[in-house]
C-alpha atoms as a PDB file:
ATOM      1  CA  MET A   1      -6.784  -4.543 -31.167  1.00  0.00           C
ATOM      2  CA  TRP A   2      -3.887  -1.846 -32.013  1.00  0.00           C
ATOM      3  CA  VAL A   3      -6.437  -0.577 -35.286  1.00  0.00           C
ATOM      4  CA  PHE A   4      -9.158   0.135 -32.980  1.00  0.00           C
ATOM      5  CA  ASN A   5      -7.092   1.930 -30.806  1.00  0.00           C
ATOM      6  CA  TYR A   6      -5.719   3.797 -33.891  1.00  0.00           C
ATOM      7  CA  ASN A   7      -8.932   4.585 -34.787  1.00  0.00           C
ATOM      8  CA  LEU A   8     -10.417   6.152 -31.306  1.00  0.00           C
ATOM      9  CA  ILE A   9      -7.057   8.238 -31.231  1.00  0.00           C
ATOM     10  CA  ASN A  10      -7.627   9.943 -33.942  1.00  0.00           C
ATOM     11  CA  TYR A  11     -10.957  10.108 -33.319  1.00  0.00           C
ATOM     12  CA  LEU A  12     -10.446  11.670 -30.244  1.00  0.00           C
ATOM     13  CA  ASP A  13      -7.606  14.332 -30.643  1.00  0.00           C
ATOM     14  CA  GLY A  14      -9.875  15.656 -33.586  1.00  0.00           C
ATOM     15  CA  THR A  15      -6.756  14.609 -36.262  1.00  0.00           C
ATOM     16  CA  ALA A  16      -9.122  12.288 -37.947  1.00  0.00           C
ATOM     17  CA  PHE A  17      -8.142  13.890 -41.677  1.00  0.00           C
ATOM     18  CA  LYS A  18      -4.578  15.081 -41.149  1.00  0.00           C
ATOM     19  CA  LEU A  19      -1.997  12.912 -42.258  1.00  0.00           C
ATOM     20  CA  THR A  20       0.985  12.740 -39.826  1.00  0.00           C
ATOM     21  CA  ASP A  21       4.519  11.091 -40.830  1.00  0.00           C
ATOM     22  CA  PHE A  22       3.326   8.456 -39.360  1.00  0.00           C
ATOM     23  CA  ASP A  23       0.620   7.990 -41.416  1.00  0.00           C
ATOM     24  CA  ARG A  24       2.542   8.578 -44.218  1.00  0.00           C
ATOM     25  CA  GLN A  25       4.849   5.181 -43.099  1.00  0.00           C
ATOM     26  CA  PHE A  26       2.387   3.607 -41.937  1.00  0.00           C
ATOM     27  CA  PHE A  27       0.211   3.502 -45.555  1.00  0.00           C
ATOM     28  CA  ARG A  28       3.517   2.578 -47.349  1.00  0.00           C
ATOM     29  CA  ILE A  29       3.557  -1.421 -46.706  1.00  0.00           C
ATOM     30  CA  ASP A  30       3.072  -4.129 -49.474  1.00  0.00           C
ATOM     31  CA  GLN A  31      -0.509  -4.112 -50.906  1.00  0.00           C
ATOM     32  CA  GLU A  32      -1.016  -7.588 -49.765  1.00  0.00           C
ATOM     33  CA  THR A  33      -1.380  -6.593 -46.253  1.00  0.00           C
ATOM     34  CA  LEU A  34      -2.632  -3.055 -46.533  1.00  0.00           C
ATOM     35  CA  VAL A  35      -5.299  -5.126 -48.346  1.00  0.00           C
ATOM     36  CA  LYS A  36      -5.897  -7.346 -45.184  1.00  0.00           C
ATOM     37  CA  ILE A  37      -5.840  -4.232 -42.793  1.00  0.00           C
ATOM     38  CA  LEU A  38      -8.287  -1.948 -45.320  1.00  0.00           C
ATOM     39  CA  ILE A  39     -10.319  -5.562 -45.159  1.00  0.00           C
ATOM     40  CA  THR A  40     -10.365  -5.534 -41.069  1.00  0.00           C
ATOM     41  CA  ALA A  41     -11.109  -1.520 -40.887  1.00  0.00           C
ATOM     42  CA  ASP A  42     -14.145  -2.389 -42.531  1.00  0.00           C
ATOM     43  CA  TYR A  43     -15.579  -5.448 -41.148  1.00  0.00           C
ATOM     44  CA  PHE A  44     -15.119  -3.092 -37.402  1.00  0.00           C
ATOM     45  CA  GLU A  45     -16.313  -0.070 -39.225  1.00  0.00           C
ATOM     46  CA  LEU A  46     -12.908   1.939 -38.454  1.00  0.00           C
ATOM     47  CA  THR A  47     -13.764   4.743 -40.946  1.00  0.00           C
ATOM     48  CA  SER A  48     -10.823   7.373 -39.698  1.00  0.00           C
ATOM     49  CA  LEU A  49      -8.698   4.777 -41.123  1.00  0.00           C
ATOM     50  CA  ILE A  50     -10.313   4.223 -44.135  1.00  0.00           C
ATOM     51  CA  ASP A  51     -10.381   8.144 -44.977  1.00  0.00           C
ATOM     52  CA  LYS A  52      -6.590   8.532 -43.895  1.00  0.00           C
ATOM     53  CA  TRP A  53      -6.419   5.662 -46.364  1.00  0.00           C
ATOM     54  CA  ALA A  54      -8.166   7.714 -49.169  1.00  0.00           C
ATOM     55  CA  LYS A  55      -6.303  10.767 -48.377  1.00  0.00           C
ATOM     56  CA  PHE A  56      -2.850   9.541 -48.985  1.00  0.00           C
ATOM     57  CA  ASN A  57      -3.881   7.778 -52.081  1.00  0.00           C
ATOM     58  CA  ALA A  58      -6.058  10.882 -52.949  1.00  0.00           C
ATOM     59  CA  ASP A  59      -2.792  13.140 -52.454  1.00  0.00           C
ATOM     60  CA  LYS A  60      -0.102  10.557 -53.957  1.00  0.00           C
ATOM     61  CA  ILE A  61      -2.331  10.153 -57.477  1.00  0.00           C
ATOM     62  CA  ALA A  62      -3.092  14.065 -57.803  1.00  0.00           C
ATOM     63  CA  SER A  63       0.377  14.358 -59.674  1.00  0.00           C
ATOM     64  CA  MET A  64       0.229  11.236 -61.525  1.00  0.00           C
ATOM     65  CA  ASN A  65      -1.178  10.976 -64.900  1.00  0.00           C
ATOM     66  CA  VAL A  66      -3.524   8.538 -66.587  1.00  0.00           C
ATOM     67  CA  SER A  67      -0.659   5.672 -67.314  1.00  0.00           C
ATOM     68  CA  GLU A  68       0.805   6.221 -63.773  1.00  0.00           C
ATOM     69  CA  ILE A  69      -2.560   5.794 -62.353  1.00  0.00           C
ATOM     70  CA  CYS A  70      -3.265   2.683 -64.222  1.00  0.00           C
ATOM     71  CA  ALA A  71       0.046   0.996 -63.149  1.00  0.00           C
ATOM     72  CA  TYR A  72      -0.296   2.230 -59.335  1.00  0.00           C
ATOM     73  CA  PHE A  73      -3.705   0.686 -59.194  1.00  0.00           C
ATOM     74  CA  ASN A  74      -2.491  -2.468 -61.243  1.00  0.00           C
ATOM     75  CA  ILE A  75      -5.422  -1.533 -63.815  1.00  0.00           C
ATOM     76  CA  THR A  76      -4.896  -3.323 -67.373  1.00  0.00           C
ATOM     77  CA  THR A  77      -6.868  -2.019 -70.472  1.00  0.00           C
ATOM     78  CA  ASP A  78      -9.729  -3.632 -72.551  1.00  0.00           C
ATOM     79  CA  LEU A  79      -8.879  -1.317 -75.496  1.00  0.00           C
ATOM     80  CA  THR A  80      -7.492  -2.231 -78.878  1.00  0.00           C
ATOM     81  CA  ASP A  81      -4.258  -1.388 -80.625  1.00  0.00           C
ATOM     82  CA  GLU A  82      -6.020   0.808 -82.772  1.00  0.00           C
ATOM     83  CA  GLU A  83      -8.011   2.432 -80.291  1.00  0.00           C
ATOM     84  CA  MET A  84      -4.621   3.355 -77.673  1.00  0.00           C
ATOM     85  CA  GLU A  85      -3.122   4.804 -80.924  1.00  0.00           C
ATOM     86  CA  VAL A  86      -5.885   7.223 -81.129  1.00  0.00           C
ATOM     87  CA  GLY A  87      -5.788   8.001 -77.581  1.00  0.00           C
ATOM     88  CA  ILE A  88      -8.706   9.707 -77.064  1.00  0.00           C
ATOM     89  CA  PHE A  89      -9.263   8.769 -73.510  1.00  0.00           C
ATOM     90  CA  LEU A  90      -5.900  10.345 -72.932  1.00  0.00           C
ATOM     91  CA  ASN A  91      -7.085  13.425 -73.032  1.00  0.00           C
ATOM     92  CA  TYR A  92      -9.131  13.940 -69.813  1.00  0.00           C
END
């Protein structure tokens, strides 16, 4: 119920896409809990919560390089060692 109230309040006061200090602290929880909250938000179509999470992540990864982003999202590579040495994928 608190997630629904959070979503409704943010839409009613017009701050759906502005990140507050509360929002920044809220999204700094452990990944497992955050995934459960986002799955629930998706099920109940709480778009402002999902949008704020997306904005939080976009702001966070904006200053990261490729390897930091991969580590942040726990992305592993399927490239061979030879492909890694060439490093073409790092030039984007």
